[in-house]
Protein backbone atom coordinates (compact mmCIF):
# COMPACT_ATOMS: atom_id res chain seq x y z
CA UNK A 1 -35.16 24.39 26.33
CA UNK A 2 -37.44 21.51 25.67
CA UNK A 3 -38.26 22.73 22.27
CA UNK A 4 -34.54 23.33 21.41
CA UNK A 5 -33.74 19.82 22.56
CA UNK A 6 -36.44 18.32 20.53
CA UNK A 7 -35.18 20.37 17.39
CA UNK A 8 -31.71 19.06 18.01
CA UNK A 9 -32.86 15.60 18.02
CA UNK A 10 -34.93 15.89 14.68
CA UNK A 11 -32.02 17.46 13.00
CA UNK A 12 -29.76 14.63 14.01
CA UNK A 13 -32.23 11.87 13.02
CA UNK A 14 -34.38 13.33 10.14
CA UNK A 15 -32.76 16.54 9.01
CA UNK A 16 -35.81 18.68 9.52
CA UNK A 17 -34.49 22.16 9.50
CA UNK A 18 -37.84 23.61 8.46
CA UNK A 19 -39.62 22.18 11.33
CA UNK A 20 -37.09 23.48 13.67
CA UNK A 21 -36.25 27.05 12.33
CA UNK A 22 -37.82 28.46 15.63
CA UNK A 23 -37.36 27.15 18.98
CA UNK A 24 -40.89 27.96 20.05
CA UNK A 25 -42.45 24.61 19.17
CA UNK A 26 -46.16 24.41 20.04
CA UNK A 27 -47.16 21.15 21.96
CA UNK A 28 -50.22 18.86 22.32
CA UNK A 29 -49.63 17.56 25.89
CA UNK A 30 -45.86 16.57 25.72
CA UNK A 31 -45.88 16.00 22.01
CA UNK A 32 -44.45 18.72 19.44
CA UNK A 33 -46.88 20.07 16.99
CA UNK A 34 -44.96 20.93 13.76
CA UNK A 35 -45.58 23.84 11.44
CA UNK A 36 -44.47 21.73 8.46
CA UNK A 37 -44.18 17.89 7.70
CA UNK A 38 -40.57 16.87 8.47
CA UNK A 39 -38.26 15.99 5.43
CA UNK A 40 -37.39 12.58 4.57
CA UNK A 41 -34.83 11.08 6.72
CA UNK A 42 -31.40 10.30 5.46
CA UNK A 43 -29.28 9.42 3.74
CA UNK A 44 -27.38 7.80 6.44
CA UNK A 45 -23.66 7.12 6.95
CA UNK A 46 -23.40 5.06 10.09
CA UNK A 47 -19.89 4.09 11.26
CA UNK A 48 -19.10 0.49 9.87
CA UNK A 49 -17.64 -0.44 13.26
CA UNK A 50 -20.75 0.62 15.25
CA UNK A 51 -23.05 -0.88 12.79
CA UNK A 52 -21.14 -4.19 12.95
CA UNK A 53 -21.38 -4.13 16.83
CA UNK A 54 -25.16 -3.37 16.54
CA UNK A 55 -25.63 -6.16 14.23
CA UNK A 56 -23.88 -8.69 16.74
CA UNK A 57 -26.01 -7.56 19.58
CA UNK A 58 -29.25 -7.83 17.13
CA UNK A 59 -28.29 -11.59 16.62
CA UNK A 60 -27.01 -12.16 20.24
CA UNK A 61 -29.24 -14.89 21.89
CA UNK A 62 -27.63 -14.15 25.36
CA UNK A 63 -29.62 -11.01 25.81
CA UNK A 64 -32.87 -12.65 26.79
CA UNK A 65 -33.72 -14.46 29.93
CA UNK A 66 -33.41 -17.39 29.73
CA UNK A 67 -30.86 -17.21 27.03
CA UNK A 68 -31.87 -18.24 23.54
CA UNK A 69 -33.82 -15.59 21.87
CA UNK A 70 -32.33 -12.59 20.10
CA UNK A 71 -33.88 -9.71 18.27
CA UNK A 72 -33.40 -11.84 15.09
CA UNK A 73 -35.52 -14.55 16.55
CA UNK A 74 -38.61 -12.48 15.76
CA UNK A 75 -37.06 -10.14 13.38
CA UNK A 76 -36.03 -13.09 11.22
CA UNK A 77 -33.65 -12.19 8.38
CA UNK A 78 -35.14 -14.78 6.34
CA UNK A 79 -38.48 -13.10 6.39
CA UNK A 80 -37.16 -9.62 5.62
CA UNK A 81 -36.55 -9.14 9.26
CA UNK A 82 -40.15 -10.01 10.27
CA UNK A 83 -41.51 -13.12 11.53
CA UNK A 84 -42.97 -14.54 14.91
CA UNK A 85 -40.27 -16.75 16.28
CA UNK A 86 -41.79 -19.98 15.20
CA UNK A 87 -45.44 -19.14 16.36
CA UNK A 88 -48.30 -19.76 14.21
CA UNK A 89 -50.64 -17.66 16.32
CA UNK A 90 -50.13 -14.39 14.46
CA UNK A 91 -48.01 -13.04 17.45
CA UNK A 92 -44.46 -14.11 18.53
CA UNK A 93 -43.37 -16.64 21.00
CA UNK A 94 -41.21 -15.18 23.89
CA UNK A 95 -38.07 -16.17 25.53
CA UNK A 96 -39.89 -18.94 27.54
CA UNK A 97 -42.03 -21.51 25.98
CA UNK A 98 -45.12 -20.27 27.85
CA UNK A 99 -44.85 -16.71 26.87
CA UNK A 100 -46.66 -15.38 23.83
CA UNK A 101 -46.62 -11.81 22.69
CA UNK A 102 -49.55 -9.55 22.06
CA UNK A 103 -48.76 -7.91 18.55
CA UNK A 104 -47.64 -9.14 15.29
CA UNK A 105 -43.89 -8.57 14.78
CA UNK A 106 -43.33 -5.80 12.19
CA UNK A 107 -40.30 -5.68 9.95
CA UNK A 108 -37.13 -4.06 11.29
CA UNK A 109 -36.17 -2.94 7.85
CA UNK A 110 -36.40 0.84 7.15
CA UNK A 111 -36.99 1.51 10.85
CA UNK A 112 -34.21 4.28 10.74
CA UNK A 113 -36.68 6.42 8.53
CA UNK A 114 -39.62 6.67 11.06
CA UNK A 115 -39.70 10.14 12.50
CA UNK A 116 -40.18 11.12 16.13
CA UNK A 117 -43.82 11.34 17.40
CA UNK A 118 -45.37 14.71 16.33
CA UNK A 119 -48.61 16.45 15.63
CA UNK A 120 -49.26 18.15 12.39
CA UNK A 121 -52.44 19.96 10.92
CA UNK A 122 -52.72 20.01 7.18
CA UNK A 123 -54.37 22.90 5.50
CA UNK A 124 -57.60 21.12 4.84
CA UNK A 125 -57.67 19.27 8.26
CA UNK A 126 -60.16 20.07 11.11
CA UNK A 127 -57.43 19.43 13.79
CA UNK A 128 -53.82 18.31 14.26
CA UNK A 129 -53.23 14.59 14.04
CA UNK A 130 -50.41 12.47 15.21
CA UNK A 131 -47.71 10.89 13.04
CA UNK A 132 -44.44 8.95 13.67
CA UNK A 133 -43.02 7.35 16.71
CA UNK A 134 -41.77 3.77 16.94
CA UNK A 135 -43.86 0.69 17.57
CA UNK A 136 -47.49 0.51 16.34
CA UNK A 137 -48.33 2.97 19.07
CA UNK A 138 -45.57 5.43 18.72
CA UNK A 139 -44.50 4.97 22.22
CA UNK A 140 -40.60 5.27 21.41
CA UNK A 141 -39.05 8.22 19.80
CA UNK A 142 -35.87 6.64 18.85
CA UNK A 143 -33.90 3.35 18.59
CA UNK A 144 -32.09 3.67 21.98
CA UNK A 145 -35.46 3.97 23.52
CA UNK A 146 -36.95 1.35 21.28
CA UNK A 147 -34.51 -1.62 22.18
CA UNK A 148 -35.28 -1.41 25.88
CA UNK A 149 -38.90 -2.42 25.29
CA UNK A 150 -38.41 -5.81 23.86
CA UNK A 151 -35.46 -6.45 26.31
CA UNK A 152 -37.88 -5.77 29.40
CA UNK A 153 -40.99 -7.10 27.99
CA UNK A 154 -42.11 -10.14 30.12
CA UNK A 155 -43.74 -11.67 27.03
CA UNK A 156 -40.68 -11.02 24.93
CA UNK A 157 -36.94 -11.32 26.04
CA UNK A 158 -38.11 -11.40 29.65
CA UNK A 159 -35.19 -9.50 31.43
CA UNK A 160 -35.81 -8.83 34.99
CA UNK A 161 -33.91 -5.65 34.97
CA UNK A 162 -31.81 -3.28 32.80
CA UNK A 163 -29.11 -4.09 35.22
CA UNK A 164 -29.27 -7.68 34.09
CA UNK A 165 -29.03 -6.51 30.49
CA UNK A 166 -26.02 -4.41 31.35
CA UNK A 167 -24.36 -7.38 33.06
CA UNK A 168 -24.87 -9.52 29.95
CA UNK A 169 -23.46 -6.78 27.56
CA UNK A 170 -20.25 -6.69 29.84
CA UNK A 171 -19.90 -10.60 29.27
CA UNK A 172 -20.77 -10.42 25.62
CA UNK A 173 -18.03 -11.44 23.16
CA UNK A 174 -18.32 -7.94 21.48
CA UNK A 175 -17.89 -5.94 24.88
CA UNK A 176 -14.44 -5.05 24.14
CA UNK A 177 -15.70 -3.64 20.79
CA UNK A 178 -18.41 -1.46 22.63
CA UNK A 179 -15.52 -0.21 24.93
CA UNK A 180 -13.28 0.69 21.93
CA UNK A 181 -16.03 2.45 20.16
CA UNK A 182 -17.84 4.30 23.13
CA UNK A 183 -15.12 4.49 25.74
CA UNK A 184 -13.26 2.23 28.22
CA UNK A 185 -15.76 2.94 30.98
CA UNK A 186 -18.73 2.87 28.58
CA UNK A 187 -20.09 -0.45 30.15
CA UNK A 188 -19.37 0.36 33.65
CA UNK A 189 -22.89 1.61 34.60
CA UNK A 190 -26.28 0.25 33.53
CA UNK A 191 -27.01 3.59 31.95
CA UNK A 192 -23.69 3.62 29.98
CA UNK A 193 -24.23 -0.09 28.74
CA UNK A 194 -27.62 0.61 27.42
CA UNK A 195 -26.60 3.86 25.83
CA UNK A 196 -23.78 2.04 23.98
CA UNK A 197 -26.24 -0.76 23.01
CA UNK A 198 -28.69 1.75 21.71
CA UNK A 199 -26.18 3.71 19.67
CA UNK A 200 -24.77 0.55 18.15
CA UNK A 201 -28.24 -0.76 17.23
CA UNK A 202 -29.16 2.57 15.79
CA UNK A 203 -26.09 2.31 13.58
CA UNK A 204 -27.08 -1.15 12.40
CA UNK A 205 -30.70 -0.17 11.54
CA UNK A 206 -29.23 2.80 9.56
CA UNK A 207 -26.96 0.42 7.49
CA UNK A 208 -27.60 -0.37 3.97
CA UNK A 209 -28.33 -4.07 4.97
CA UNK A 210 -31.39 -2.72 6.72
CA UNK A 211 -32.56 -0.41 4.10
CA UNK A 212 -31.57 -1.97 0.72
CA UNK A 213 -34.13 -0.26 -1.52
CA UNK A 214 -33.48 -3.13 -4.17
CA UNK A 215 -37.06 -4.08 -5.06
CA UNK A 216 -38.30 -4.46 -8.74
CA UNK A 217 -40.58 -1.37 -8.00
CA UNK A 218 -37.35 0.57 -7.37
CA UNK A 219 -35.73 -0.88 -10.48
CA UNK A 220 -38.96 0.31 -12.28
CA UNK A 221 -38.74 3.84 -10.90
CA UNK A 222 -35.02 3.97 -11.98
CA UNK A 223 -36.00 2.79 -15.62
CA UNK A 224 -34.02 -0.53 -15.14
CA UNK A 225 -36.90 -3.01 -15.12
CA UNK A 226 -40.37 -3.19 -16.34
CA UNK A 227 -43.48 -4.11 -14.28
CA UNK A 228 -46.14 -6.48 -15.91
CA UNK A 229 -49.61 -5.26 -17.08
CA UNK A 230 -51.15 -6.73 -13.95
CA UNK A 231 -48.68 -5.04 -11.70
CA UNK A 232 -49.32 -1.74 -13.38
CA UNK A 233 -53.01 -2.06 -13.07
CA UNK A 234 -52.49 -2.76 -9.26
CA UNK A 235 -50.44 0.29 -9.01
CA UNK A 236 -53.01 2.40 -10.62
CA UNK A 237 -55.81 0.86 -8.59
CA UNK A 238 -53.59 1.41 -5.37
CA UNK A 239 -53.39 5.24 -6.20
CA UNK A 240 -57.02 5.65 -7.28
CA UNK A 241 -58.93 7.54 -4.59
CA UNK A 242 -62.08 6.01 -5.97
CA UNK A 243 -60.98 2.45 -5.74
CA UNK A 244 -58.27 1.20 -3.43
CA UNK A 245 -57.45 4.58 -2.14
CA UNK A 246 -54.43 2.92 -0.42
CA UNK A 247 -51.90 5.68 -1.31
CA UNK A 248 -53.81 8.20 0.93
CA UNK A 249 -52.07 6.59 3.86
CA UNK A 250 -49.49 4.33 2.29
CA UNK A 251 -47.73 7.25 0.49
CA UNK A 252 -45.06 7.00 -2.08
CA UNK A 253 -43.60 8.98 -5.04
CA UNK A 254 -42.89 7.08 -8.10
CA UNK A 255 -41.44 10.17 -9.73
CA UNK A 256 -38.64 10.71 -7.18
CA UNK A 257 -35.03 9.63 -7.62
CA UNK A 258 -34.93 9.26 -3.72
CA UNK A 259 -36.24 5.72 -2.88
CA UNK A 260 -36.72 6.84 0.71
CA UNK A 261 -39.60 8.93 -0.65
CA UNK A 262 -41.32 5.62 -1.34
CA UNK A 263 -41.72 3.95 2.03
CA UNK A 264 -45.47 3.40 1.49
CA UNK A 265 -46.52 5.02 4.70
CA UNK A 266 -47.26 8.71 5.83
CA UNK A 267 -46.57 7.48 9.46
CA UNK A 268 -50.01 8.53 10.32
CA UNK A 269 -52.38 6.73 12.58
CA UNK A 270 -55.89 5.08 11.68
CA UNK A 271 -58.45 2.85 13.44
CA UNK A 272 -59.64 0.28 11.01
CA UNK A 273 -61.30 -2.20 13.27
CA UNK A 274 -59.22 -5.34 12.43
CA UNK A 275 -61.06 -8.57 13.62
CA UNK A 276 -59.88 -10.13 17.03
CA UNK A 277 -57.26 -12.77 16.71
CA UNK A 278 -58.65 -15.21 19.18
CA UNK A 279 -55.58 -17.38 18.89
CA UNK A 280 -53.76 -14.79 21.10
CA UNK A 281 -53.79 -16.30 24.65
CA UNK A 282 -54.63 -13.03 26.17
CA UNK A 283 -57.87 -12.68 24.22
CA UNK A 284 -59.39 -15.51 26.34
CA UNK A 285 -60.06 -12.61 28.84
CA UNK A 286 -62.98 -10.87 27.13
CA UNK A 287 -61.91 -7.56 29.11
CA UNK A 288 -58.63 -7.51 27.21
CA UNK A 289 -58.14 -5.26 24.34
CA UNK A 290 -55.06 -3.73 22.71
CA UNK A 291 -56.13 -0.05 22.32
CA UNK A 292 -53.00 1.02 20.47
CA UNK A 293 -52.37 4.66 20.61
CA UNK A 294 -54.53 5.19 23.57
CA UNK A 295 -51.80 4.43 26.10
CA UNK A 296 -49.29 6.79 24.29
CA UNK A 297 -51.85 9.60 24.38
CA UNK A 298 -52.32 8.99 28.06
CA UNK A 299 -48.60 8.95 28.82
CA UNK A 300 -48.31 12.13 26.75
CA UNK A 301 -51.31 13.89 28.37
CA UNK A 302 -52.93 14.62 25.10
CA UNK A 303 -56.47 16.18 25.77
CA UNK A 304 -59.41 14.10 24.86
CA UNK A 305 -57.02 11.20 24.56
CA UNK A 306 -59.97 8.64 24.24
CA UNK A 307 -60.48 9.68 20.57
CA UNK A 308 -57.13 7.80 19.86
CA UNK A 309 -58.21 4.53 21.38
CA UNK A 310 -58.12 1.73 18.63
CA UNK A 311 -55.64 3.77 16.39
CA UNK A 312 -52.45 2.21 15.24
CA UNK A 313 -49.63 3.61 13.09
CA UNK A 314 -49.82 2.87 9.33
CA UNK A 315 -47.08 0.58 8.50
CA UNK A 316 -44.68 0.73 5.60
CA UNK A 317 -45.55 -1.85 2.81
CA UNK A 318 -41.96 -2.68 1.71
CA UNK A 319 -41.52 -6.41 1.82
CA UNK A 320 -45.16 -6.86 2.89
CA UNK A 321 -45.56 -10.05 0.72
CA UNK A 322 -42.79 -11.89 2.63
CA UNK A 323 -44.55 -11.50 6.12
CA UNK A 324 -45.88 -14.41 7.88
CA UNK A 325 -48.99 -12.47 9.32
CA UNK A 326 -50.69 -9.32 8.68
CA UNK A 327 -52.28 -6.30 10.85
CA UNK A 328 -51.12 -5.40 14.18
CA UNK A 329 -52.67 -8.49 15.84
CA UNK A 330 -51.85 -11.03 13.05
CA UNK A 331 -55.31 -11.58 12.46
CA UNK A 332 -54.79 -12.43 8.76
CA UNK A 333 -52.55 -15.12 7.42
CA UNK A 334 -52.46 -14.04 3.65
CA UNK A 335 -51.77 -10.68 2.08
CA UNK A 336 -54.85 -11.10 -0.12
CA UNK A 337 -57.05 -11.40 2.90
CA UNK A 338 -55.58 -8.16 4.25
CA UNK A 339 -56.34 -6.36 1.10
CA UNK A 340 -59.78 -7.88 0.74
CA UNK A 341 -60.63 -6.80 4.31
CA UNK A 342 -60.16 -3.19 3.39
CA UNK A 343 -62.38 -3.53 0.51
CA UNK A 344 -65.26 -5.61 1.79
CA UNK A 345 -65.31 -4.77 5.50
CA UNK A 346 -68.55 -2.85 5.47
CA UNK A 347 -70.11 -4.95 2.67
CA UNK A 348 -69.61 -8.45 4.27
CA UNK A 349 -68.93 -7.81 7.91
CA UNK A 350 -69.94 -11.49 8.65
CA UNK A 351 -67.00 -12.59 6.58
CA UNK A 352 -64.60 -10.90 8.86
CA UNK A 353 -66.18 -10.83 12.19
CA UNK A 354 -67.20 -14.40 13.12
CA UNK A 355 -68.99 -13.63 16.40
CA UNK A 356 -71.37 -11.17 14.56
CA UNK A 357 -69.96 -8.14 16.64
CA UNK A 358 -68.49 -5.38 14.51
CA UNK A 359 -65.01 -4.15 15.23
CA UNK A 360 -64.87 -6.81 18.01
CA UNK A 361 -61.22 -6.12 18.84
CA UNK A 362 -62.18 -2.58 19.90
CA UNK A 363 -63.72 -1.99 23.30
CA UNK A 364 -67.43 -1.15 22.86
CA UNK A 365 -66.76 2.48 24.18
CA UNK A 366 -64.32 3.25 21.50
CA UNK A 367 -65.90 1.66 18.27
CA UNK A 368 -67.14 4.93 17.16
CA UNK A 369 -63.42 5.84 16.62
CA UNK A 370 -63.15 3.27 13.80
CA UNK A 371 -62.86 4.90 10.47
CA UNK A 372 -66.14 4.38 8.49
CA UNK A 373 -65.99 7.53 6.63
CA UNK A 374 -63.31 7.47 4.04
CA UNK A 375 -62.89 4.99 0.87
CA UNK A 376 -62.93 1.98 0.78
CA UNK A 377 -64.32 1.92 4.53
CA UNK A 378 -67.52 3.74 3.70
CA UNK A 379 -69.18 0.95 1.93
CA UNK A 380 -72.28 -0.64 3.38
CA UNK A 381 -74.16 -3.87 2.99
CA UNK A 382 -75.88 -3.99 -0.32
CA UNK A 383 -73.37 -1.57 -1.93
CA UNK A 384 -70.77 -2.69 -4.56
CA UNK A 385 -67.26 -3.18 -3.07
CA UNK A 386 -64.68 -0.47 -4.11
CA UNK A 387 -62.48 -3.38 -5.41
CA UNK A 388 -63.69 -6.57 -7.08
CA UNK A 389 -61.76 -9.91 -6.82
CA UNK A 390 -59.62 -9.26 -9.98
CA UNK A 391 -58.81 -5.67 -8.70
CA UNK A 392 -57.66 -7.23 -5.36
CA UNK A 393 -55.50 -9.61 -7.17
CA UNK A 394 -53.88 -6.73 -9.18
CA UNK A 395 -53.09 -4.97 -6.02
CA UNK A 396 -51.66 -7.89 -4.36
CA UNK A 397 -49.40 -8.42 -7.69
CA UNK A 398 -48.21 -4.69 -7.23
CA UNK A 399 -47.39 -5.13 -3.56
CA UNK A 400 -45.22 -8.10 -4.44
CA UNK A 401 -43.02 -5.88 -6.47
CA UNK A 402 -42.03 -4.09 -3.13
CA UNK A 403 -40.06 -7.16 -2.09
CA UNK A 404 -36.40 -6.20 -1.94
CA UNK A 405 -33.84 -8.52 -3.94
CA UNK A 406 -32.83 -10.75 -1.01
CA UNK A 407 -36.16 -11.95 -0.46
CA UNK A 408 -37.73 -12.09 -3.85
CA UNK A 409 -37.79 -15.88 -3.78
CA UNK A 410 -39.71 -15.94 -0.44
CA UNK A 411 -42.50 -14.02 -1.68
CA UNK A 412 -45.61 -16.35 -2.45
């Protein structure tokens, strides 16, 4: 029964008939292991009425405690739905002035294309590995589940209970719209109100506004606009497995007419040992670490779950040039630094780890999980970097072409 329900959910959200041809889905802990990679999600055709309601809720500052912080406060439409609510720490401010989050805010664009958490073992892989799931640690499988997390996070929207959120929805100016769309009694119970909110928000995130596919890269793929010589060089380096090797995780398909095949992520996980962001108040406690996938592995009862501590989901790179900060903890303030880190982490560790401790934002017991085997991470002191300064600049130039049209003027 569990397998059938999972398949039904996948078919509804990402249309993976091949993955659900049989109901006998194997599992690792509570997480399905698929026999084939899921097909690309979409195209979506959300109800315009539902999408409009979801948009109203997304921009509603009444849903925080105290009022004043909406989803859009952190997922700022001026920043391609990313940003940190006015914080300069690399992580967002919360609903109260004394609250500061723990992770850099990702863009809410293209969220509808993220598949549910699953395991898959490629033909040349030694073992199955995890993919998908919402948030950097994959802990939510769908948008209705996702929306509850920031609403209830004491460092974010700071609501005391889901019942309080439901009460706010009943008093919202769009409450009658929710009732018309989901039923006259839809908001009567806490569960019903949260379900209506989740479905409306899901429709908004599936709307064209939240997946415009209008970048210069898209125009180039369609043969409608050129890329410069520098941008094309960056594209070549991005793909080259002996140089940037970026496309091994940030996957895309430049020959496909379906832009959803170029989300610049494989939705997989990696441990790259990002430097500790000591501006985050929580890091004043030397025992504090964000171990990423570790907590999800424990909740899903994966065997040997410690092997996933320090892993975070590979983000998509569309509109990356518009973001205020980079990496899951906001450690870097420029896109160039983020690219340079990949190329020089092993060669110049002192440049990135100011206290002299390699992988200082990963607990000592898990530092062996950090990827030091694949290009460009496998370089050591005294070796030549996989990318020189000019090549880093070229990759950054290419990444700027992934900026959708509404934000082209915001990209530095």
